[in-house]
N, C-alpha and C. Protein backbone atom coordinates (compact mmCIF):
# COMPACT_ATOMS: atom_id res chain seq x y z
N UNK A 1 -116.07 -128.23 -11.45
CA UNK A 1 -116.31 -128.64 -12.72
C UNK A 1 -115.49 -129.82 -13.15
N UNK A 2 -114.20 -129.80 -12.89
CA UNK A 2 -113.32 -130.86 -13.27
C UNK A 2 -113.76 -132.12 -12.69
N UNK A 3 -114.20 -132.14 -11.36
CA UNK A 3 -114.58 -133.29 -10.79
C UNK A 3 -115.79 -134.01 -11.52
N UNK A 4 -116.74 -133.16 -12.02
CA UNK A 4 -117.94 -133.66 -12.71
C UNK A 4 -117.54 -134.23 -14.04
N UNK A 5 -116.67 -133.58 -14.66
CA UNK A 5 -116.08 -134.06 -16.02
C UNK A 5 -115.43 -135.32 -15.77
N UNK A 6 -114.51 -135.55 -14.87
CA UNK A 6 -113.87 -136.67 -14.61
C UNK A 6 -114.83 -137.87 -14.33
N UNK A 7 -115.81 -137.59 -13.38
CA UNK A 7 -116.83 -138.61 -13.09
C UNK A 7 -117.68 -139.09 -14.19
N UNK A 8 -117.91 -138.10 -15.08
CA UNK A 8 -118.73 -138.43 -16.28
C UNK A 8 -117.83 -139.34 -17.19
N UNK A 9 -116.60 -138.95 -17.30
CA UNK A 9 -115.75 -139.74 -18.21
C UNK A 9 -115.55 -141.17 -17.69
N UNK A 10 -115.36 -141.25 -16.40
CA UNK A 10 -115.22 -142.59 -15.71
C UNK A 10 -116.46 -143.52 -15.81
N UNK A 11 -117.60 -142.88 -15.77
CA UNK A 11 -118.91 -143.56 -15.96
C UNK A 11 -119.19 -143.95 -17.32
N UNK A 12 -119.04 -142.95 -18.30
CA UNK A 12 -119.44 -143.08 -19.74
C UNK A 12 -118.51 -143.45 -20.70
N UNK A 13 -117.21 -143.22 -20.34
CA UNK A 13 -116.10 -143.37 -21.35
C UNK A 13 -115.89 -142.20 -22.20
N UNK A 14 -116.80 -141.23 -22.23
CA UNK A 14 -116.70 -140.09 -23.14
C UNK A 14 -117.33 -138.95 -22.44
N UNK A 15 -116.91 -137.88 -22.73
CA UNK A 15 -117.50 -136.67 -22.13
C UNK A 15 -117.41 -135.45 -23.06
N UNK A 16 -118.43 -134.62 -23.05
CA UNK A 16 -118.43 -133.34 -23.87
C UNK A 16 -117.89 -132.18 -22.97
N UNK A 17 -117.00 -131.49 -23.54
CA UNK A 17 -116.25 -130.26 -22.85
C UNK A 17 -116.75 -129.04 -23.54
N UNK A 18 -117.84 -128.41 -23.16
CA UNK A 18 -118.33 -127.19 -23.64
C UNK A 18 -117.47 -126.03 -23.32
N UNK A 19 -117.48 -125.00 -24.26
CA UNK A 19 -116.74 -123.80 -24.00
C UNK A 19 -115.29 -123.83 -24.15
N UNK A 20 -114.78 -124.75 -24.90
CA UNK A 20 -113.26 -124.66 -25.14
C UNK A 20 -112.90 -123.74 -26.20
N UNK A 21 -113.90 -123.47 -27.11
CA UNK A 21 -113.61 -122.64 -28.23
C UNK A 21 -114.60 -121.59 -28.48
N UNK A 22 -114.12 -120.49 -29.08
CA UNK A 22 -115.12 -119.50 -29.40
C UNK A 22 -115.52 -119.92 -30.91
N UNK A 23 -116.76 -119.43 -31.29
CA UNK A 23 -117.38 -119.89 -32.49
C UNK A 23 -116.43 -119.64 -33.74
N UNK A 24 -115.72 -118.47 -33.70
CA UNK A 24 -114.77 -118.14 -34.81
C UNK A 24 -113.58 -119.10 -34.80
N UNK A 25 -113.10 -119.51 -33.58
CA UNK A 25 -111.96 -120.35 -33.62
C UNK A 25 -112.34 -121.75 -34.18
N UNK A 26 -113.42 -122.24 -33.80
CA UNK A 26 -113.92 -123.49 -34.26
C UNK A 26 -114.12 -123.53 -35.78
N UNK A 27 -114.69 -122.39 -36.26
CA UNK A 27 -114.93 -122.20 -37.67
C UNK A 27 -113.60 -122.27 -38.47
N UNK A 28 -112.59 -121.56 -37.83
CA UNK A 28 -111.23 -121.58 -38.51
C UNK A 28 -110.68 -122.92 -38.47
N UNK A 29 -110.82 -123.73 -37.44
CA UNK A 29 -110.30 -125.16 -37.45
C UNK A 29 -111.03 -126.00 -38.46
N UNK A 30 -112.37 -125.78 -38.55
CA UNK A 30 -113.13 -126.71 -39.56
C UNK A 30 -112.61 -126.21 -40.90
N UNK A 31 -112.59 -124.98 -41.19
CA UNK A 31 -112.00 -124.52 -42.52
C UNK A 31 -110.65 -125.06 -42.92
N UNK A 32 -109.74 -124.98 -42.03
CA UNK A 32 -108.37 -125.48 -42.16
C UNK A 32 -108.33 -127.09 -42.47
N UNK A 33 -109.13 -127.71 -41.58
CA UNK A 33 -109.16 -129.13 -41.82
C UNK A 33 -109.80 -129.55 -43.07
N UNK A 34 -110.97 -128.96 -43.44
CA UNK A 34 -111.64 -129.29 -44.73
C UNK A 34 -110.85 -129.06 -45.88
N UNK A 35 -110.07 -127.92 -45.77
CA UNK A 35 -109.09 -127.57 -47.03
C UNK A 35 -108.13 -128.81 -47.13
N UNK A 36 -107.55 -129.23 -46.00
CA UNK A 36 -106.63 -130.31 -46.07
C UNK A 36 -107.22 -131.62 -46.56
N UNK A 37 -108.33 -131.94 -46.19
CA UNK A 37 -108.83 -133.26 -46.62
C UNK A 37 -109.72 -133.12 -47.96
N UNK A 38 -109.64 -131.99 -48.68
CA UNK A 38 -110.25 -131.80 -49.87
C UNK A 38 -109.35 -132.52 -51.04
N UNK A 39 -108.19 -132.80 -50.83
CA UNK A 39 -107.27 -133.23 -51.85
C UNK A 39 -106.31 -134.31 -51.27
N UNK A 40 -105.80 -135.16 -52.16
CA UNK A 40 -104.93 -136.13 -51.82
C UNK A 40 -103.47 -135.40 -51.69
N UNK A 41 -102.63 -135.84 -50.74
CA UNK A 41 -101.29 -135.30 -50.64
C UNK A 41 -100.46 -135.82 -51.89
N UNK A 42 -99.82 -134.90 -52.54
CA UNK A 42 -98.97 -135.30 -53.71
C UNK A 42 -97.70 -134.47 -53.68
N UNK A 43 -96.56 -135.17 -53.65
CA UNK A 43 -95.20 -134.41 -53.63
C UNK A 43 -95.33 -133.44 -52.49
N UNK A 44 -95.11 -132.22 -52.82
CA UNK A 44 -95.17 -131.16 -51.75
C UNK A 44 -96.48 -130.45 -51.50
N UNK A 45 -97.47 -130.84 -52.28
CA UNK A 45 -98.79 -130.22 -52.17
C UNK A 45 -99.55 -130.95 -50.88
N UNK A 46 -99.82 -130.11 -49.93
CA UNK A 46 -100.44 -130.67 -48.83
C UNK A 46 -101.83 -131.22 -49.11
N UNK A 47 -102.18 -132.28 -48.46
CA UNK A 47 -103.64 -132.81 -48.56
C UNK A 47 -103.61 -134.06 -47.62
N UNK A 48 -104.65 -134.91 -47.67
CA UNK A 48 -104.73 -136.01 -46.82
C UNK A 48 -103.85 -137.17 -47.36
N UNK A 49 -103.57 -138.11 -46.45
CA UNK A 49 -103.02 -139.36 -46.91
C UNK A 49 -103.95 -140.39 -46.89
N UNK A 50 -103.72 -141.35 -47.72
CA UNK A 50 -104.70 -142.60 -47.87
C UNK A 50 -104.08 -143.63 -47.04
N UNK A 51 -104.46 -143.78 -45.74
CA UNK A 51 -103.90 -144.81 -44.88
C UNK A 51 -104.72 -145.99 -44.83
N UNK A 52 -105.97 -145.93 -45.14
CA UNK A 52 -106.90 -146.99 -45.06
C UNK A 52 -107.98 -146.73 -46.06
N UNK A 53 -108.71 -147.81 -46.65
CA UNK A 53 -109.57 -147.57 -47.67
C UNK A 53 -110.71 -146.56 -47.49
N UNK A 54 -111.18 -146.43 -46.27
CA UNK A 54 -112.32 -145.56 -46.08
C UNK A 54 -111.92 -144.35 -45.01
N UNK A 55 -110.66 -143.97 -45.04
CA UNK A 55 -110.26 -143.03 -44.14
C UNK A 55 -109.18 -141.96 -44.82
N UNK A 56 -109.51 -140.67 -44.73
CA UNK A 56 -108.56 -139.73 -45.28
C UNK A 56 -107.87 -139.04 -44.07
N UNK A 57 -106.55 -139.38 -43.82
CA UNK A 57 -105.80 -139.09 -42.73
C UNK A 57 -105.02 -137.73 -42.87
N UNK A 58 -105.05 -136.93 -41.82
CA UNK A 58 -104.14 -135.74 -41.72
C UNK A 58 -103.35 -135.99 -40.50
N UNK A 59 -101.97 -136.19 -40.89
CA UNK A 59 -101.01 -136.58 -39.84
C UNK A 59 -100.54 -135.37 -38.93
N UNK A 60 -100.66 -134.19 -39.38
CA UNK A 60 -100.08 -133.01 -38.75
C UNK A 60 -101.11 -132.04 -38.30
N UNK A 61 -102.15 -132.49 -37.64
CA UNK A 61 -103.23 -131.57 -37.38
C UNK A 61 -102.90 -130.38 -36.54
N UNK A 62 -101.89 -130.62 -35.67
CA UNK A 62 -101.54 -129.42 -34.74
C UNK A 62 -100.92 -128.21 -35.57
N UNK A 63 -100.47 -128.50 -36.78
CA UNK A 63 -99.95 -127.44 -37.54
C UNK A 63 -101.05 -126.65 -38.41
N UNK A 64 -102.23 -127.26 -38.46
CA UNK A 64 -103.22 -126.56 -39.35
C UNK A 64 -103.74 -125.20 -39.02
N UNK A 65 -104.07 -125.12 -37.68
CA UNK A 65 -104.65 -123.94 -37.10
C UNK A 65 -104.34 -123.99 -35.58
N UNK A 66 -104.19 -122.67 -35.12
CA UNK A 66 -103.84 -122.58 -33.66
C UNK A 66 -104.82 -123.25 -32.69
N UNK A 67 -106.08 -123.37 -33.16
CA UNK A 67 -107.07 -123.92 -32.20
C UNK A 67 -106.83 -125.35 -31.92
N UNK A 68 -106.33 -126.18 -32.81
CA UNK A 68 -105.94 -127.52 -32.56
C UNK A 68 -104.90 -127.64 -31.46
N UNK A 69 -103.91 -126.68 -31.52
CA UNK A 69 -102.93 -126.82 -30.41
C UNK A 69 -103.55 -126.30 -29.07
N UNK A 70 -104.24 -125.25 -29.16
CA UNK A 70 -105.00 -124.65 -28.05
C UNK A 70 -105.79 -125.68 -27.22
N UNK A 71 -106.46 -126.48 -27.99
CA UNK A 71 -107.30 -127.59 -27.20
C UNK A 71 -106.34 -128.55 -26.51
N UNK A 72 -105.30 -128.98 -27.15
CA UNK A 72 -104.29 -129.86 -26.70
C UNK A 72 -103.64 -129.33 -25.33
N UNK A 73 -103.54 -128.11 -25.23
CA UNK A 73 -102.74 -127.54 -24.00
C UNK A 73 -103.75 -126.81 -23.26
N UNK A 74 -105.07 -126.99 -23.35
CA UNK A 74 -106.09 -126.19 -22.58
C UNK A 74 -105.99 -126.66 -21.14
N UNK A 75 -106.00 -125.78 -20.17
CA UNK A 75 -105.96 -126.14 -18.78
C UNK A 75 -106.95 -127.14 -18.37
N UNK A 76 -108.27 -127.02 -18.75
CA UNK A 76 -109.25 -128.01 -18.48
C UNK A 76 -108.88 -129.34 -19.01
N UNK A 77 -108.52 -129.48 -20.17
CA UNK A 77 -108.15 -130.72 -20.80
C UNK A 77 -106.98 -131.34 -20.20
N UNK A 78 -105.89 -130.56 -19.77
CA UNK A 78 -104.83 -131.11 -19.16
C UNK A 78 -105.15 -131.68 -17.73
N UNK A 79 -105.98 -130.89 -16.96
CA UNK A 79 -106.40 -131.38 -15.65
C UNK A 79 -107.22 -132.66 -15.58
N UNK A 80 -108.20 -132.64 -16.67
CA UNK A 80 -108.93 -133.94 -16.78
C UNK A 80 -108.12 -135.07 -17.11
N UNK A 81 -107.22 -134.94 -18.02
CA UNK A 81 -106.35 -136.04 -18.33
C UNK A 81 -105.37 -136.42 -17.21
N UNK A 82 -104.90 -135.45 -16.42
CA UNK A 82 -104.07 -135.77 -15.45
C UNK A 82 -104.95 -136.56 -14.33
N UNK A 83 -105.96 -136.29 -14.04
CA UNK A 83 -106.94 -136.99 -13.10
C UNK A 83 -107.29 -138.41 -13.51
N UNK A 84 -107.55 -138.43 -14.83
CA UNK A 84 -108.03 -139.67 -15.44
C UNK A 84 -107.08 -140.72 -15.71
N UNK A 85 -105.93 -140.32 -16.24
CA UNK A 85 -104.85 -141.23 -16.62
C UNK A 85 -103.58 -141.10 -15.84
N UNK A 86 -103.33 -140.00 -15.07
CA UNK A 86 -102.11 -139.73 -14.38
C UNK A 86 -101.15 -139.00 -15.34
N UNK A 87 -99.97 -139.30 -15.27
CA UNK A 87 -99.06 -138.64 -16.15
C UNK A 87 -99.30 -139.03 -17.69
N UNK A 88 -99.05 -138.04 -18.48
CA UNK A 88 -99.29 -138.25 -19.90
C UNK A 88 -98.43 -137.32 -20.72
N UNK A 89 -98.27 -137.63 -22.00
CA UNK A 89 -97.51 -136.88 -22.92
C UNK A 89 -98.18 -136.75 -24.27
N UNK A 90 -98.22 -135.66 -24.82
CA UNK A 90 -98.77 -135.49 -26.31
C UNK A 90 -97.65 -135.82 -27.21
N UNK A 91 -97.84 -136.88 -27.90
CA UNK A 91 -96.83 -137.41 -28.80
C UNK A 91 -97.30 -137.27 -30.25
N UNK A 92 -98.63 -137.17 -30.56
CA UNK A 92 -99.05 -136.98 -31.97
C UNK A 92 -100.45 -136.58 -31.84
N UNK A 93 -100.95 -135.93 -32.95
CA UNK A 93 -102.33 -135.46 -33.05
C UNK A 93 -102.66 -135.61 -34.53
N UNK A 94 -103.61 -136.49 -34.67
CA UNK A 94 -104.02 -136.87 -36.06
C UNK A 94 -105.46 -136.48 -36.29
N UNK A 95 -105.96 -136.15 -37.49
CA UNK A 95 -107.23 -135.98 -37.69
C UNK A 95 -107.67 -136.80 -39.00
N UNK A 96 -108.94 -137.24 -39.09
CA UNK A 96 -109.16 -137.91 -40.32
C UNK A 96 -110.70 -137.72 -40.54
N UNK A 97 -111.01 -137.87 -41.89
CA UNK A 97 -112.42 -137.97 -42.32
C UNK A 97 -112.69 -139.45 -42.75
N UNK A 98 -113.64 -139.97 -42.10
CA UNK A 98 -114.04 -141.40 -42.41
C UNK A 98 -115.12 -141.22 -43.42
N UNK A 99 -114.95 -142.14 -44.42
CA UNK A 99 -115.89 -142.16 -45.58
C UNK A 99 -117.10 -143.07 -45.23
N UNK A 100 -118.25 -142.88 -45.75
CA UNK A 100 -119.41 -143.73 -45.38
C UNK A 100 -119.13 -145.06 -45.96
N UNK A 101 -119.43 -146.14 -45.19
CA UNK A 101 -119.27 -147.61 -45.51
C UNK A 101 -120.22 -148.39 -44.59
N UNK A 102 -120.42 -149.54 -45.03
CA UNK A 102 -121.08 -150.49 -44.20
C UNK A 102 -120.02 -151.56 -43.74
N UNK A 103 -118.83 -151.53 -44.32
CA UNK A 103 -117.76 -152.51 -43.96
C UNK A 103 -117.07 -152.08 -42.73
N UNK A 104 -116.70 -153.13 -41.95
CA UNK A 104 -115.78 -152.93 -40.80
C UNK A 104 -114.39 -153.02 -41.22
N UNK A 105 -113.86 -151.87 -41.71
CA UNK A 105 -112.56 -152.01 -42.48
C UNK A 105 -111.35 -151.83 -41.31
N UNK A 106 -111.74 -151.44 -40.06
CA UNK A 106 -110.70 -151.11 -39.15
C UNK A 106 -110.63 -152.06 -38.00
N UNK A 107 -111.95 -152.51 -37.60
CA UNK A 107 -112.08 -153.31 -36.44
C UNK A 107 -111.73 -152.52 -35.12
N UNK A 108 -111.67 -153.26 -34.09
CA UNK A 108 -111.43 -152.68 -32.78
C UNK A 108 -110.02 -152.14 -32.75
N UNK A 109 -109.79 -151.10 -31.93
CA UNK A 109 -108.54 -150.52 -31.80
C UNK A 109 -108.13 -150.30 -30.28
N UNK A 110 -106.97 -150.53 -30.01
CA UNK A 110 -106.50 -150.25 -28.57
C UNK A 110 -105.05 -149.86 -28.54
N UNK A 111 -104.67 -149.01 -27.68
CA UNK A 111 -103.40 -148.49 -27.54
C UNK A 111 -102.57 -149.59 -26.60
N UNK A 112 -102.38 -150.70 -27.22
CA UNK A 112 -101.74 -151.80 -26.40
C UNK A 112 -100.33 -151.77 -26.11
N UNK A 113 -99.64 -150.73 -26.68
CA UNK A 113 -98.18 -150.67 -26.35
C UNK A 113 -97.99 -150.27 -24.85
N UNK A 114 -99.01 -149.80 -24.26
CA UNK A 114 -98.89 -149.34 -22.86
C UNK A 114 -99.47 -150.42 -22.04
N UNK A 115 -98.78 -151.50 -21.61
CA UNK A 115 -99.15 -152.54 -20.82
C UNK A 115 -98.88 -152.19 -19.38
N UNK A 116 -100.04 -151.98 -18.59
CA UNK A 116 -99.88 -151.52 -17.20
C UNK A 116 -99.27 -152.50 -16.33
N UNK A 117 -99.26 -153.79 -16.67
CA UNK A 117 -98.67 -154.87 -15.99
C UNK A 117 -97.09 -154.82 -16.04
N UNK A 118 -96.58 -154.33 -17.25
CA UNK A 118 -95.25 -154.32 -17.46
C UNK A 118 -94.69 -152.80 -17.15
N UNK A 119 -95.29 -151.80 -17.52
CA UNK A 119 -94.97 -150.59 -17.22
C UNK A 119 -95.63 -149.87 -16.08
N UNK A 120 -94.98 -149.55 -15.13
CA UNK A 120 -95.56 -148.91 -13.91
C UNK A 120 -95.85 -147.47 -14.12
N UNK A 121 -95.13 -146.76 -14.90
CA UNK A 121 -95.45 -145.41 -15.29
C UNK A 121 -95.14 -145.21 -16.77
N UNK A 122 -95.61 -144.11 -17.33
CA UNK A 122 -95.55 -143.99 -18.76
C UNK A 122 -94.14 -143.81 -19.31
N UNK A 123 -93.24 -143.26 -18.50
CA UNK A 123 -91.83 -143.18 -18.97
C UNK A 123 -91.17 -144.47 -19.29
N UNK A 124 -91.40 -145.55 -18.47
CA UNK A 124 -90.73 -146.77 -18.63
C UNK A 124 -91.40 -147.65 -19.83
N UNK A 125 -92.50 -147.19 -20.34
CA UNK A 125 -93.24 -147.89 -21.39
C UNK A 125 -92.55 -147.36 -22.84
N UNK A 126 -91.84 -146.24 -22.71
CA UNK A 126 -91.31 -145.76 -23.92
C UNK A 126 -89.89 -146.29 -24.22
N UNK A 127 -89.55 -146.63 -25.44
CA UNK A 127 -88.16 -147.02 -25.72
C UNK A 127 -87.24 -146.00 -25.52
N UNK A 128 -85.98 -146.38 -25.05
CA UNK A 128 -84.99 -145.32 -24.95
C UNK A 128 -84.12 -145.08 -26.12
């Protein structure tokens, strides 16, 4: 199964991973996320942060509901990532709700901090 997932990811750049969640777990994740993006963060009141005009950002998605962490450490996810990118580290997990717009407010995005010509492995790409 992992070989098929990695092959599809290499060919298409995206892959669906069925069966990672029980229906109830996914519903709990959606409920927790929707509660957080329903209001703007203010002082100690949790909510979303306004990082861009058309995006409501949740910076600490791993703390919202156990399912968010479970998917990050799921054996299938870890094995696919290992085969696809090699060594990796989970350093952040964000979630956001994009608001409808016809404007290109963000443009293209790339994780350019990791220049494979400069850093031969992920550890050397990180500042000490």
